C-alpha atoms as a PDB file:
ATOM      1  CA  MET A   1     124.857 104.499 104.680  1.00  0.00           C
ATOM      2  CA  ALA A   2     123.594 101.139 103.829  1.00  0.00           C
ATOM      3  CA  GLN A   3     122.668  98.731 106.389  1.00  0.00           C
ATOM      4  CA  VAL A   4     124.092  95.296 106.226  1.00  0.00           C
ATOM      5  CA  THR A   5     123.157  91.614 107.186  1.00  0.00           C
ATOM      6  CA  SER A   6     124.348  88.355 106.749  1.00  0.00           C
ATOM      7  CA  LEU A   7     123.065  84.531 106.684  1.00  0.00           C
ATOM      8  CA  SER A   8     125.095  81.649 106.753  1.00  0.00           C
ATOM      9  CA  SER A   9     122.969  78.627 107.942  1.00  0.00           C
ATOM     10  CA  THR A  10     118.648  78.352 107.240  1.00  0.00           C
ATOM     11  CA  GLY A  11     116.782  80.776 108.847  1.00  0.00           C
ATOM     12  CA  THR A  12     116.584  84.192 108.613  1.00  0.00           C
ATOM     13  CA  ALA A  13     118.231  87.556 108.826  1.00  0.00           C
ATOM     14  CA  ALA A  14     116.269  90.951 108.722  1.00  0.00           C
ATOM     15  CA  ILE A  15     117.073  94.897 108.460  1.00  0.00           C
ATOM     16  CA  TYR A  16     114.602  96.775 109.805  1.00  0.00           C
ATOM     17  CA  LEU A  17     114.273 100.212 107.607  1.00  0.00           C
ATOM     18  CA  ASN A  18     113.044 103.446 107.858  1.00  0.00           C
ATOM     19  CA  PRO A  19     109.192 103.529 105.995  1.00  0.00           C
ATOM     20  CA  VAL A  20     109.541 106.970 105.252  1.00  0.00           C
ATOM     21  CA  PRO A  21     112.166 107.146 102.331  1.00  0.00           C
ATOM     22  CA  ARG A  22     110.411 106.165  98.924  1.00  0.00           C
ATOM     23  CA  THR A  23     113.429 104.489  97.271  1.00  0.00           C
ATOM     24  CA  THR A  24     115.239 101.434  98.673  1.00  0.00           C
ATOM     25  CA  SER A  25     118.081  99.531  96.668  1.00  0.00           C
ATOM     26  CA  LEU A  26     118.648  95.877  97.971  1.00  0.00           C
ATOM     27  CA  LEU A  27     121.671  94.165  96.831  1.00  0.00           C
ATOM     28  CA  LEU A  28     121.303  90.481  97.523  1.00  0.00           C
ATOM     29  CA  SER A  29     125.377  88.687  97.119  1.00  0.00           C
ATOM     30  CA  ALA A  30     126.713  85.189  97.599  1.00  0.00           C
ATOM     31  CA  ALA A  31     130.155  84.857  99.037  1.00  0.00           C
ATOM     32  CA  ALA A  32     132.574  83.834  96.547  1.00  0.00           C
ATOM     33  CA  GLY A  33     132.984  79.753  96.640  1.00  0.00           C
ATOM     34  CA  SER A  34     129.301  79.385  97.904  1.00  0.00           C
ATOM     35  CA  SER A  35     127.379  76.449  96.789  1.00  0.00           C
ATOM     36  CA  GLY A  36     124.095  74.692  97.513  1.00  0.00           C
ATOM     37  CA  GLY A  37     121.902  78.177  99.163  1.00  0.00           C
ATOM     38  CA  VAL A  38     118.660  78.382  98.320  1.00  0.00           C
ATOM     39  CA  VAL A  39     117.462  81.653  99.575  1.00  0.00           C
ATOM     40  CA  THR A  40     114.598  84.412  99.295  1.00  0.00           C
ATOM     41  CA  LEU A  41     114.429  87.559  99.230  1.00  0.00           C
ATOM     42  CA  GLU A  42     111.538  89.076 101.234  1.00  0.00           C
ATOM     43  CA  VAL A  43     110.043  92.669 102.284  1.00  0.00           C
ATOM     44  CA  THR A  44     107.575  94.529 104.130  1.00  0.00           C
ATOM     45  CA  LEU A  45     105.389  97.293 104.430  1.00  0.00           C
ATOM     46  CA  ASP A  46     104.978  96.800 108.031  1.00  0.00           C
ATOM     47  CA  ASP A  47     106.879  99.508 110.356  1.00  0.00           C
ATOM     48  CA  PRO A  48     108.167  98.008 113.190  1.00  0.00           C
ATOM     49  CA  SER A  49     108.982 101.376 114.897  1.00  0.00           C
ATOM     50  CA  THR A  50     105.231 101.625 115.879  1.00  0.00           C
ATOM     51  CA  THR A  51     104.076 101.044 119.448  1.00  0.00           C
ATOM     52  CA  PRO A  52     102.569  98.521 119.734  1.00  0.00           C
ATOM     53  CA  ALA A  53     104.477  96.711 117.294  1.00  0.00           C
ATOM     54  CA  PRO A  54     102.392  95.085 114.539  1.00  0.00           C
ATOM     55  CA  THR A  55     102.664  91.715 113.313  1.00  0.00           C
ATOM     56  CA  ILE A  56     104.855  91.348 110.584  1.00  0.00           C
ATOM     57  CA  THR A  57     103.752  90.022 107.121  1.00  0.00           C
ATOM     58  CA  TRP A  58     106.597  88.937 104.875  1.00  0.00           C
ATOM     59  CA  SER A  59     106.415  88.742 101.079  1.00  0.00           C
ATOM     60  CA  PRO A  60     108.785  86.962  98.938  1.00  0.00           C
ATOM     61  CA  ILE A  61     110.246  89.482  95.907  1.00  0.00           C
ATOM     62  CA  SER A  62     112.763  87.010  94.613  1.00  0.00           C
ATOM     63  CA  SER A  63     113.741  83.866  94.732  1.00  0.00           C
ATOM     64  CA  GLY A  64     118.006  83.197  94.545  1.00  0.00           C
ATOM     65  CA  ALA A  65     117.830  79.838  93.690  1.00  0.00           C
ATOM     66  CA  ALA A  66     119.046  80.246  90.400  1.00  0.00           C
ATOM     67  CA  MET A  67     122.009  82.641  91.786  1.00  0.00           C
ATOM     68  CA  LEU A  68     124.818  79.694  92.512  1.00  0.00           C
ATOM     69  CA  SER A  69     123.650  77.183  89.669  1.00  0.00           C
ATOM     70  CA  SER A  70     124.678  80.010  86.967  1.00  0.00           C
ATOM     71  CA  ASN A  71     127.707  81.562  88.674  1.00  0.00           C
ATOM     72  CA  VAL A  72     125.507  84.767  89.392  1.00  0.00           C
ATOM     73  CA  THR A  73     127.063  86.684  92.658  1.00  0.00           C
ATOM     74  CA  GLY A  74     124.557  89.086  93.343  1.00  0.00           C
ATOM     75  CA  LEU A  75     120.885  90.257  92.519  1.00  0.00           C
ATOM     76  CA  LEU A  76     120.259  93.917  92.572  1.00  0.00           C
ATOM     77  CA  TYR A  77     116.684  95.141  93.124  1.00  0.00           C
ATOM     78  CA  THR A  78     115.322  98.780  93.462  1.00  0.00           C
ATOM     79  CA  VAL A  79     111.825  99.288  95.383  1.00  0.00           C
ATOM     80  CA  LEU A  80     110.171 102.794  94.717  1.00  0.00           C
ATOM     81  CA  SER A  81     107.599 102.331  97.490  1.00  0.00           C
ATOM     82  CA  PRO A  82     108.505 102.754 100.958  1.00  0.00           C
ATOM     83  CA  ILE A  83     109.410  99.360 102.667  1.00  0.00           C
ATOM     84  CA  GLY A  84     109.659  98.676 107.120  1.00  0.00           C
ATOM     85  CA  GLY A  85     112.204  95.792 106.274  1.00  0.00           C
ATOM     86  CA  ALA A  86     113.819  93.320 104.184  1.00  0.00           C
ATOM     87  CA  ARG A  87     115.483  90.052 104.740  1.00  0.00           C
ATOM     88  CA  ILE A  88     116.820  86.644 103.499  1.00  0.00           C
ATOM     89  CA  ASN A  89     115.161  83.301 104.188  1.00  0.00           C
ATOM     90  CA  SER A  90     116.260  80.003 103.756  1.00  0.00           C
ATOM     91  CA  THR A  91     115.285  76.711 103.931  1.00  0.00           C
ATOM     92  CA  ALA A  92     118.352  75.364 102.517  1.00  0.00           C
ATOM     93  CA  ILE A  93     121.603  76.988 102.743  1.00  0.00           C
ATOM     94  CA  GLY A  94     124.391  74.310 102.170  1.00  0.00           C
ATOM     95  CA  ASN A  95     127.828  75.797 101.816  1.00  0.00           C
ATOM     96  CA  ALA A  96     126.822  79.591 101.342  1.00  0.00           C
ATOM     97  CA  THR A  97     126.874  82.640 102.905  1.00  0.00           C
ATOM     98  CA  PHE A  98     124.666  85.270 101.374  1.00  0.00           C
ATOM     99  CA  THR A  99     124.630  88.749 102.332  1.00  0.00           C
ATOM    100  CA  LEU A 100     122.034  91.651 102.004  1.00  0.00           C
ATOM    101  CA  LYS A 101     122.785  95.750 102.046  1.00  0.00           C
ATOM    102  CA  ALA A 102     119.791  97.854 101.714  1.00  0.00           C
ATOM    103  CA  HIS A 103     120.474 101.627 100.714  1.00  0.00           C
ATOM    104  CA  GLN A 104     117.470 104.202 101.374  1.00  0.00           C
ATOM    105  CA  SER A 105     117.056 107.744  99.765  1.00  0.00           C
ATOM    106  CA  VAL A 106     114.583 109.994 100.030  1.00  0.00           C
ATOM    107  CA  THR A 107     114.530 111.154  96.843  1.00  0.00           C
ATOM    108  CA  GLY A 108     112.753 109.167  93.636  1.00  0.00           C
END
């Protein structure tokens, strides 16, 4: 079952994942009629479920800056190594709503 989060204002929206599965597919999409948004898709290798919780470091894997200007409404990424989380990060959202879906698989 996929996990989902959305972002329609500046800031971040995160999904924390099980760091055990080997493969994670990430789908970043923009709602129909969205315009003017700039987002970055970021992932972390840190496991937020450990105690004490680590300081989570986020690293960009993609920028969705060109998505809306080129009429692309979705980008799909497959991460072949375990990750602890994924998030949308935006400093300028405009009239846009972005959705991030993550689906994990224990088989490669």
